[in-house]
Amino acid sequence: MLDGVRRDGRAGIDASLVKRLVGAQFPQWRHLPVTPVEVDGWDNRTYHLGDDMSVRLPTHESYEPAVDKEHRWLSVLAPELPVPIPVPLAKGVPDEGYPFEWSIRPWLDGETASYERIDDLSAFAVSVAEFIRALQRIDASSGPQAGAHSFYRGASLVHYDDETRRSLDVLDGMVDTDRASAVWETALDATWHGDPVWFHGDIAHGNLLVKDGALAAVIDFGTAGVGDPACDLVIAWTLFYGASRQAFRYAVDQDEATWARARGWALWKALLTLAENVSTDNELASRNHRVIDEILADHDRTG
C-alpha cells in the first residue's frame, strides 16, 4: 500500500490544498489536521479531517455533479436505510485554484469489504440485499433520473453497446465471444418496464464497509439516481459465489429480466476492464476473466 506522502498530490490535490480550502470556507474546522486516507477511490480524493470527518474532492469535472446530488439527496435517503451512509455536513465551492465543488462528510467506521473481513459471506450477502431493497422502497418520484450524472447506471444498456462490442472484438480468442454476445443480446432485449426506483449504481466491495465481520456502512453514492435497479446486482458475480450468491439472489428478490440486465452490466464492465488490462495487469485481468466465466455459466443455467 502506498504511504500517505506518496498518495498525496494525485490529480493535483494534496493535503495543503485541502487545508487551505477548509480554512477559507469553514473556519470552524481550520484547526483540524488533514491527512490522506489509506484506501482512496479514483473518481474523488478523500482526506481525513480530524478524527470524525472527511473531505471529498472530485478529480475531474465529470464527477462534480455528484457533489450537489449527494448534498441534496443523502439526507433524504439516510433515515430509510438499515446502515449508515455518508450524509454531507457541508458543501464547498471552487477556490484556491481548485475548480470544482467539494464536500465535508462524517467519517464512517469500518474497513473495505473483503473475504478476510467478512465473518459469514451468505449473511453479508443478505445484508447487502436488504440495503438494496430498502433503497428501492424510498419514494423515487422526484429523484434524479438516470443519465450522465450516474454514468448511465439505471438507464438502458444500449448506451454501452458500442463499447461492449469493441471489447468483444479485442478479446476474440481470449474469451468465449459467442456466449458473451448471447449474454449481451439477452440483456439488451430484457427491457426495463417498471416504475423507476432508487439505485446506488456502484454496489461493489470498495463501497461496502465492514465492522466486526458484518456490513457497517455503504459509501460513494456518486452514481446514484432513480431508474432501473439492475446495475445494483452486479456484486452477485464480483464478490458473491455459491451459497452466498444464492442467498443474495433470494433476498434481493428481482425478476428474471432484471437479472438478465444485471448480467449485461457485469459483463460490460468485466469485458472493458479485461480488454484494457489483458497485457498490462495480470491480476486484474485474471479477476475479470473469472467474473466473465461466472456470468457466462450463470446465463447458461438460467438464460
Protein backbone atom coordinates (compact mmCIF):
# COMPACT_ATOMS: atom_id res chain seq x y z
CA MET A 1 0.00 0.00 0.00
CA LEU A 2 1.26 3.49 -0.80
CA ASP A 3 2.13 5.63 2.19
CA GLY A 4 0.40 8.95 2.81
CA VAL A 5 3.16 11.07 1.29
CA ARG A 6 3.23 9.11 -1.96
CA ARG A 7 -0.58 9.09 -2.25
CA ASP A 8 -0.78 12.81 -1.61
CA GLY A 9 -0.95 15.02 -4.70
CA ARG A 10 -2.85 12.77 -7.11
CA ALA A 11 -4.91 14.75 -9.64
CA GLY A 12 -3.26 17.94 -8.37
CA ILE A 13 -4.94 17.62 -4.97
CA ASP A 14 -2.86 17.48 -1.80
CA ALA A 15 -3.31 17.96 1.93
CA SER A 16 -2.05 21.54 1.76
CA LEU A 17 -4.75 22.48 -0.75
CA VAL A 18 -7.44 20.77 1.32
CA LYS A 19 -6.25 22.57 4.44
CA ARG A 20 -6.49 25.93 2.65
CA LEU A 21 -9.95 25.17 1.27
CA VAL A 22 -11.29 24.17 4.67
CA GLY A 23 -9.66 27.14 6.40
CA ALA A 24 -11.04 29.66 3.92
CA GLN A 25 -14.59 28.34 3.71
CA PHE A 26 -15.20 26.58 7.03
CA PRO A 27 -13.04 28.37 9.62
CA GLN A 28 -14.69 26.47 12.48
CA TRP A 29 -12.68 23.44 11.31
CA ARG A 30 -9.48 25.16 10.23
CA HIS A 31 -7.57 23.88 13.29
CA LEU A 32 -8.17 20.22 12.43
CA PRO A 33 -5.40 18.13 10.81
CA VAL A 34 -5.81 16.99 7.19
CA THR A 35 -4.32 13.63 6.19
CA PRO A 36 -4.79 11.25 3.22
CA VAL A 37 -6.93 8.17 3.77
CA GLU A 38 -5.36 4.72 3.48
CA VAL A 39 -7.76 3.47 0.80
CA ASP A 40 -8.75 6.08 -1.78
CA GLY A 41 -11.00 5.94 -4.83
CA TRP A 42 -10.30 7.11 -8.36
CA ASP A 43 -13.20 9.50 -9.04
CA ASN A 44 -12.52 11.51 -5.88
CA ARG A 45 -9.69 12.23 -3.47
CA THR A 46 -10.60 11.74 0.18
CA TYR A 47 -8.84 13.12 3.26
CA HIS A 48 -9.35 12.74 6.97
CA LEU A 49 -10.41 15.99 8.62
CA GLY A 50 -9.60 15.50 12.27
CA ASP A 51 -10.84 12.20 13.71
CA ASP A 52 -14.53 12.38 12.85
CA MET A 53 -14.84 13.92 9.38
CA SER A 54 -13.60 13.52 5.81
CA VAL A 55 -13.16 15.84 2.85
CA ARG A 56 -14.06 14.52 -0.60
CA LEU A 57 -12.92 16.27 -3.78
CA PRO A 58 -13.73 15.26 -7.39
CA THR A 59 -10.71 14.60 -9.60
CA HIS A 60 -12.44 15.60 -12.86
CA GLU A 61 -15.35 17.75 -13.99
CA SER A 62 -17.37 14.65 -14.90
CA TYR A 63 -17.50 13.68 -11.22
CA GLU A 64 -18.54 17.11 -9.93
CA PRO A 65 -22.33 16.67 -10.43
CA ALA A 66 -22.26 14.02 -7.71
CA VAL A 67 -21.35 16.64 -5.09
CA ASP A 68 -24.58 18.59 -5.40
CA LYS A 69 -26.63 15.42 -5.91
CA GLU A 70 -25.30 13.78 -2.75
CA HIS A 71 -25.67 17.01 -0.77
CA ARG A 72 -29.33 17.22 -1.83
CA TRP A 73 -30.38 13.59 -1.50
CA LEU A 74 -28.33 11.60 1.01
CA SER A 75 -30.04 13.26 3.97
CA VAL A 76 -33.36 12.13 2.45
CA LEU A 77 -32.21 8.56 1.92
CA ALA A 78 -30.33 8.00 5.18
CA PRO A 79 -33.28 7.66 7.62
CA GLU A 80 -34.81 4.90 5.48
CA LEU A 81 -31.70 2.72 5.20
CA PRO A 82 -30.55 -0.08 7.52
CA VAL A 83 -26.90 1.04 7.78
CA PRO A 84 -25.25 4.48 7.81
CA ILE A 85 -24.39 6.37 4.63
CA PRO A 86 -22.14 9.47 4.35
CA VAL A 87 -24.62 12.36 4.64
CA PRO A 88 -22.66 15.54 3.79
CA LEU A 89 -22.11 18.09 6.53
CA ALA A 90 -21.08 20.96 4.26
CA LYS A 91 -20.53 21.76 0.58
CA GLY A 92 -17.52 23.73 -0.56
CA VAL A 93 -17.10 25.82 -3.69
CA PRO A 94 -14.19 26.28 -6.13
CA ASP A 95 -11.33 28.19 -4.56
CA GLU A 96 -7.54 28.23 -4.11
CA GLY A 97 -7.11 27.15 -7.74
CA TYR A 98 -9.29 24.07 -7.28
CA PRO A 99 -12.10 24.26 -9.90
CA PHE A 100 -14.88 22.04 -8.51
CA GLU A 101 -17.43 21.86 -5.71
CA TRP A 102 -16.41 19.53 -2.88
CA SER A 103 -17.86 18.23 0.37
CA ILE A 104 -17.21 17.54 4.03
CA ARG A 105 -18.76 14.40 5.50
CA PRO A 106 -18.76 12.42 8.73
CA TRP A 107 -16.14 9.69 8.92
CA LEU A 108 -17.86 6.30 8.94
CA ASP A 109 -16.19 3.49 10.85
CA GLY A 110 -15.36 0.29 9.05
CA GLU A 111 -12.94 -1.31 6.62
CA THR A 112 -13.40 -2.05 2.94
CA ALA A 113 -15.22 -5.36 2.46
CA SER A 114 -13.05 -8.39 1.75
CA TYR A 115 -13.38 -12.11 2.26
CA GLU A 116 -10.93 -11.93 5.17
CA ARG A 117 -13.01 -9.31 6.99
CA ILE A 118 -16.47 -10.84 6.48
CA ASP A 119 -17.49 -13.43 9.08
CA ASP A 120 -20.31 -15.09 7.12
CA LEU A 121 -20.46 -14.32 3.40
CA SER A 122 -24.04 -15.54 2.97
CA ALA A 123 -25.25 -13.40 5.88
CA PHE A 124 -23.32 -10.47 4.45
CA ALA A 125 -24.99 -11.07 1.07
CA VAL A 126 -28.40 -10.90 2.73
CA SER A 127 -27.45 -7.63 4.45
CA VAL A 128 -26.42 -6.10 1.11
CA ALA A 129 -29.68 -7.32 -0.46
CA GLU A 130 -31.67 -5.79 2.40
CA PHE A 131 -29.90 -2.49 1.84
CA ILE A 132 -30.78 -2.57 -1.87
CA ARG A 133 -34.40 -3.43 -1.14
CA ALA A 134 -34.67 -0.64 1.44
CA LEU A 135 -33.24 1.80 -1.09
CA GLN A 136 -35.79 0.68 -3.68
CA ARG A 137 -38.68 1.29 -1.27
CA ILE A 138 -37.86 5.00 -0.86
CA ASP A 139 -40.10 7.40 -2.78
CA ALA A 140 -38.35 7.99 -6.11
CA SER A 141 -40.93 10.33 -7.68
CA SER A 142 -38.76 13.46 -7.52
CA GLY A 143 -35.31 11.84 -7.50
CA PRO A 144 -32.62 12.43 -10.16
CA GLN A 145 -33.44 10.43 -13.28
CA ALA A 146 -30.64 8.18 -14.52
CA GLY A 147 -28.39 9.83 -17.08
CA ALA A 148 -24.97 11.40 -17.48
CA HIS A 149 -24.70 12.21 -13.75
CA SER A 150 -24.99 8.47 -12.97
CA PHE A 151 -22.78 7.48 -15.91
CA TYR A 152 -25.98 5.92 -17.28
CA ARG A 153 -26.32 3.47 -14.40
CA GLY A 154 -30.06 2.95 -14.07
CA ALA A 155 -30.59 3.72 -17.76
CA SER A 156 -30.55 1.47 -20.82
CA LEU A 157 -27.54 -0.75 -21.51
CA VAL A 158 -27.74 0.49 -25.10
CA HIS A 159 -25.55 3.39 -24.02
CA TYR A 160 -22.63 0.94 -23.65
CA ASP A 161 -23.41 -1.22 -26.67
CA ASP A 162 -20.59 0.07 -28.90
CA GLU A 163 -18.06 -0.14 -26.07
CA THR A 164 -19.06 -3.72 -25.27
CA ARG A 165 -18.82 -4.84 -28.89
CA ARG A 166 -15.39 -3.23 -29.27
CA SER A 167 -14.23 -5.08 -26.17
CA LEU A 168 -15.54 -8.35 -27.61
CA ASP A 169 -13.56 -7.72 -30.78
CA VAL A 170 -10.38 -7.09 -28.77
CA LEU A 171 -10.92 -10.24 -26.70
CA ASP A 172 -11.80 -12.58 -29.56
CA GLY A 173 -9.89 -15.80 -28.91
CA MET A 174 -9.34 -14.93 -25.24
CA VAL A 175 -12.93 -15.31 -24.06
CA ASP A 176 -15.89 -17.20 -25.48
CA THR A 177 -17.20 -14.27 -27.50
CA ASP A 178 -20.17 -16.23 -28.89
CA ARG A 179 -21.52 -16.96 -25.43
CA ALA A 180 -20.66 -13.47 -24.22
CA SER A 181 -22.51 -11.95 -27.18
CA ALA A 182 -25.54 -14.08 -26.30
CA VAL A 183 -25.48 -12.74 -22.73
CA TRP A 184 -25.25 -9.19 -24.05
CA GLU A 185 -28.07 -9.59 -26.57
CA THR A 186 -30.30 -11.15 -23.92
CA ALA A 187 -29.59 -8.20 -21.62
CA LEU A 188 -30.43 -5.68 -24.33
CA ASP A 189 -33.70 -7.48 -25.07
CA ALA A 190 -34.76 -7.57 -21.40
CA THR A 191 -36.13 -4.03 -21.44
CA TRP A 192 -36.99 -2.34 -18.15
CA HIS A 193 -40.74 -1.68 -17.90
CA GLY A 194 -41.11 -0.98 -14.17
CA ASP A 195 -41.52 2.26 -12.28
CA PRO A 196 -38.20 3.99 -11.55
CA VAL A 197 -36.68 3.16 -8.17
CA TRP A 198 -33.65 4.42 -6.29
CA PHE A 199 -30.37 2.68 -7.12
CA HIS A 200 -26.88 3.14 -5.71
CA GLY A 201 -25.12 2.49 -9.01
CA ASP A 202 -21.88 1.04 -7.66
CA ILE A 203 -22.61 -1.65 -5.09
CA ALA A 204 -19.07 -3.03 -5.00
CA HIS A 205 -16.76 -4.31 -2.27
CA GLY A 206 -14.89 -0.99 -2.20
CA ASN A 207 -18.06 0.88 -1.28
CA LEU A 208 -19.17 -1.53 1.45
CA LEU A 209 -17.66 -1.08 4.90
CA VAL A 210 -17.31 -3.95 7.34
CA LYS A 211 -17.04 -3.80 11.14
CA ASP A 212 -16.97 -6.83 13.42
CA GLY A 213 -17.40 -9.04 10.36
CA ALA A 214 -20.71 -7.50 9.23
CA LEU A 215 -21.94 -4.74 6.94
CA ALA A 216 -21.42 -1.44 8.74
CA ALA A 217 -21.97 1.28 6.12
CA VAL A 218 -22.39 1.94 2.41
CA ILE A 219 -20.45 4.80 0.82
CA ASP A 220 -19.97 6.59 -2.52
CA PHE A 221 -23.37 7.48 -3.99
CA GLY A 222 -21.84 9.38 -6.90
CA THR A 223 -23.60 7.20 -9.47
CA ALA A 224 -26.91 7.03 -7.58
CA GLY A 225 -30.24 8.01 -9.07
CA VAL A 226 -33.66 6.68 -9.94
CA GLY A 227 -34.34 4.23 -12.76
CA ASP A 228 -33.65 0.55 -13.45
CA PRO A 229 -32.15 -1.22 -10.39
CA ALA A 230 -30.36 -3.95 -12.39
CA CYS A 231 -26.97 -2.26 -12.04
CA ASP A 232 -27.07 -2.85 -8.26
CA LEU A 233 -26.99 -6.63 -8.72
CA VAL A 234 -23.52 -6.82 -10.30
CA ILE A 235 -21.98 -7.75 -6.95
CA ALA A 236 -23.60 -11.19 -7.36
CA TRP A 237 -20.65 -12.10 -9.62
CA THR A 238 -17.90 -9.77 -8.41
CA LEU A 239 -18.00 -10.70 -4.70
CA PHE A 240 -20.52 -13.47 -4.06
CA TYR A 241 -20.37 -17.07 -5.24
CA GLY A 242 -22.03 -20.39 -4.49
CA ALA A 243 -24.29 -20.25 -1.44
CA SER A 244 -23.72 -16.53 -0.87
CA ARG A 245 -24.81 -15.73 -4.44
CA GLN A 246 -27.95 -17.79 -3.94
CA ALA A 247 -28.64 -16.06 -0.63
CA PHE A 248 -28.24 -12.66 -2.29
CA ARG A 249 -30.45 -13.62 -5.22
CA TYR A 250 -33.23 -14.86 -2.94
CA ALA A 251 -33.08 -11.89 -0.55
CA VAL A 252 -32.90 -9.16 -3.20
CA ASP A 253 -35.97 -10.67 -4.94
CA GLN A 254 -35.72 -9.35 -8.52
CA ASP A 255 -37.36 -10.76 -11.63
CA GLU A 256 -35.55 -12.73 -14.34
CA ALA A 257 -35.47 -9.83 -16.78
CA THR A 258 -33.72 -7.68 -14.17
CA TRP A 259 -31.18 -10.44 -13.62
CA ALA A 260 -30.60 -10.63 -17.38
CA ARG A 261 -29.85 -6.90 -17.47
CA ALA A 262 -27.66 -7.27 -14.39
CA ARG A 263 -25.58 -9.87 -16.22
CA GLY A 264 -25.25 -7.32 -19.01
CA TRP A 265 -24.00 -4.64 -16.63
CA ALA A 266 -21.50 -7.03 -15.07
CA LEU A 267 -20.35 -8.30 -18.46
CA TRP A 268 -19.84 -4.82 -19.92
CA LYS A 269 -17.57 -3.75 -17.07
CA ALA A 270 -15.63 -7.02 -16.92
CA LEU A 271 -15.06 -7.11 -20.69
CA LEU A 272 -13.97 -3.47 -20.77
CA THR A 273 -11.59 -3.90 -17.83
CA LEU A 274 -10.14 -7.11 -19.25
CA ALA A 275 -9.65 -5.57 -22.70
CA GLU A 276 -7.84 -2.58 -21.19
CA ASN A 277 -5.58 -4.65 -18.91
CA VAL A 278 -5.13 -8.01 -20.61
CA SER A 279 -1.44 -7.37 -21.35
CA THR A 280 -0.55 -4.93 -18.56
CA ASP A 281 -2.09 -6.14 -15.28
CA ASN A 282 -2.22 -9.91 -14.92
CA GLU A 283 -4.00 -9.88 -11.56
CA LEU A 284 -6.75 -7.50 -12.69
CA ALA A 285 -7.13 -9.37 -15.98
CA SER A 286 -7.40 -12.71 -14.21
CA ARG A 287 -10.01 -11.38 -11.78
CA ASN A 288 -12.20 -10.05 -14.60
CA HIS A 289 -11.72 -13.20 -16.66
CA ARG A 290 -13.12 -15.15 -13.71
CA VAL A 291 -16.10 -12.76 -13.47
CA ILE A 292 -16.82 -13.26 -17.18
CA ASP A 293 -16.71 -17.02 -16.79
CA GLU A 294 -19.13 -16.82 -13.84
CA ILE A 295 -21.54 -14.62 -15.82
CA LEU A 296 -21.48 -16.97 -18.82
CA ALA A 297 -22.08 -20.01 -16.63
CA ASP A 298 -24.94 -18.25 -14.83
CA HIS A 299 -26.53 -17.33 -18.15
CA ASP A 300 -26.22 -20.93 -19.36
CA ARG A 301 -28.08 -22.12 -16.27
CA THR A 302 -30.83 -19.53 -16.31
CA GLY A 303 -30.89 -17.91 -19.75
